[in-house]
Amino acid sequence: MLGRAGRLHEAHKFVESLPSQQAHGVWGALLNACSSKSEVKMGESIAKHLLHLEPENSGYYVTISNLYAYRDMWSGAVQVRSILQDKGLVKPHGHSTVG
């Protein structure tokens, strides 16, 4: 909730205080919040951490690539997508729910 409210630094401190076994999914949520708020520096740091923990999770690559694209940092976006392809990972298919 802190991330969605734009309070990314507070959210980051909170996630760092969690035991590592409980923080996995929360780190991913924080990366998504960084992407939605166009916070590149923190997003890069979080993506690096997540990719160390789960190097085969294509969603993290896509999220950081999208963050670069939102900020018109096209060389970074292309580089991340290239890494995704070199590793043989597939971009997850989009989905939506109709309620």
Protein backbone atom coordinates (compact mmCIF):
# COMPACT_ATOMS: atom_id res chain seq x y z
CA MET A 1 0.00 0.00 0.00
CA LEU A 2 2.86 2.37 0.72
CA GLY A 3 4.25 1.79 -2.77
CA ARG A 4 0.93 2.45 -4.46
CA ALA A 5 0.65 5.67 -2.48
CA GLY A 6 4.01 6.78 -3.86
CA ARG A 7 5.76 6.38 -0.51
CA LEU A 8 8.44 4.17 -2.03
CA HIS A 9 11.24 4.93 0.40
CA GLU A 10 9.04 4.04 3.37
CA ALA A 11 7.92 0.88 1.59
CA HIS A 12 11.55 -0.04 0.87
CA LYS A 13 12.52 0.34 4.52
CA PHE A 14 9.55 -1.79 5.55
CA VAL A 15 10.40 -4.58 3.11
CA GLU A 16 14.03 -4.56 4.24
CA SER A 17 12.87 -5.12 7.82
CA LEU A 18 10.97 -8.32 6.93
CA PRO A 19 12.57 -11.74 7.39
CA SER A 20 13.91 -12.79 3.99
CA GLN A 21 11.66 -15.84 3.70
CA GLN A 22 8.58 -13.61 4.02
CA ALA A 23 9.72 -10.78 1.76
CA HIS A 24 9.93 -12.52 -1.63
CA GLY A 25 6.53 -11.51 -2.97
CA VAL A 26 6.67 -8.12 -1.30
CA TRP A 27 9.89 -7.27 -3.17
CA GLY A 28 8.07 -8.03 -6.42
CA ALA A 29 5.20 -5.74 -5.43
CA LEU A 30 7.69 -3.00 -4.63
CA LEU A 31 9.33 -3.43 -8.04
CA ASN A 32 5.89 -3.02 -9.64
CA ALA A 33 5.31 0.13 -7.58
CA CYS A 34 8.66 1.52 -8.73
CA SER A 35 7.62 0.83 -12.30
CA SER A 36 4.24 2.53 -11.92
CA LYS A 37 5.88 5.56 -10.26
CA SER A 38 8.82 5.63 -12.76
CA GLU A 39 11.39 5.30 -9.95
CA VAL A 40 14.36 4.00 -11.95
CA LYS A 41 17.16 4.01 -9.38
CA MET A 42 15.23 2.10 -6.73
CA GLY A 43 13.66 -0.15 -9.37
CA GLU A 44 17.08 -1.14 -10.67
CA SER A 45 18.29 -1.97 -7.18
CA ILE A 46 15.23 -4.06 -6.39
CA ALA A 47 15.34 -5.84 -9.75
CA LYS A 48 18.99 -6.74 -9.16
CA HIS A 49 18.07 -8.21 -5.77
CA LEU A 50 15.10 -10.15 -7.16
CA LEU A 51 17.02 -11.47 -10.15
CA HIS A 52 19.70 -12.74 -7.77
CA LEU A 53 17.00 -14.63 -5.86
CA GLU A 54 15.02 -15.81 -8.91
CA PRO A 55 17.14 -15.48 -12.07
CA GLU A 56 14.60 -17.41 -14.16
CA ASN A 57 11.61 -15.20 -13.31
CA SER A 58 10.88 -13.50 -16.62
CA GLY A 59 8.34 -11.17 -15.02
CA TYR A 60 11.08 -9.22 -13.24
CA TYR A 61 12.95 -8.68 -16.50
CA VAL A 62 9.78 -7.49 -18.20
CA THR A 63 8.94 -5.11 -15.35
CA ILE A 64 12.35 -3.42 -15.34
CA SER A 65 12.33 -3.28 -19.15
CA ASN A 66 8.93 -1.58 -19.04
CA LEU A 67 10.20 0.87 -16.43
CA TYR A 68 13.02 1.85 -18.77
CA ALA A 69 10.57 2.19 -21.66
CA TYR A 70 8.24 4.44 -19.62
CA ARG A 71 11.19 6.75 -18.97
CA ASP A 72 12.27 6.67 -22.66
CA MET A 73 15.45 4.82 -21.67
CA TRP A 74 15.25 2.64 -24.76
CA SER A 75 18.80 1.28 -24.67
CA GLY A 76 18.17 -0.09 -21.17
CA ALA A 77 14.84 -1.60 -22.21
CA VAL A 78 16.40 -3.28 -25.25
CA GLN A 79 19.34 -4.56 -23.17
CA VAL A 80 17.05 -6.17 -20.60
CA ARG A 81 14.86 -7.73 -23.29
CA SER A 82 18.02 -9.07 -24.94
CA ILE A 83 19.10 -10.70 -21.67
CA LEU A 84 15.62 -12.22 -21.37
CA GLN A 85 15.94 -13.68 -24.86
CA ASP A 86 19.55 -14.86 -24.35
CA LYS A 87 18.47 -16.79 -21.26
CA GLY A 88 15.71 -18.44 -23.28
CA LEU A 89 13.03 -17.00 -21.03
CA VAL A 90 9.57 -16.17 -22.33
CA LYS A 91 7.63 -13.03 -21.50
CA PRO A 92 4.58 -14.02 -19.48
CA HIS A 93 1.29 -13.64 -21.32
CA GLY A 94 -0.92 -10.80 -20.22
CA HIS A 95 -4.24 -11.52 -18.59
CA SER A 96 -7.19 -9.61 -17.27
CA THR A 97 -10.32 -10.30 -15.34
CA VAL A 98 -13.77 -9.05 -16.09
CA GLY A 99 -15.91 -8.60 -13.06
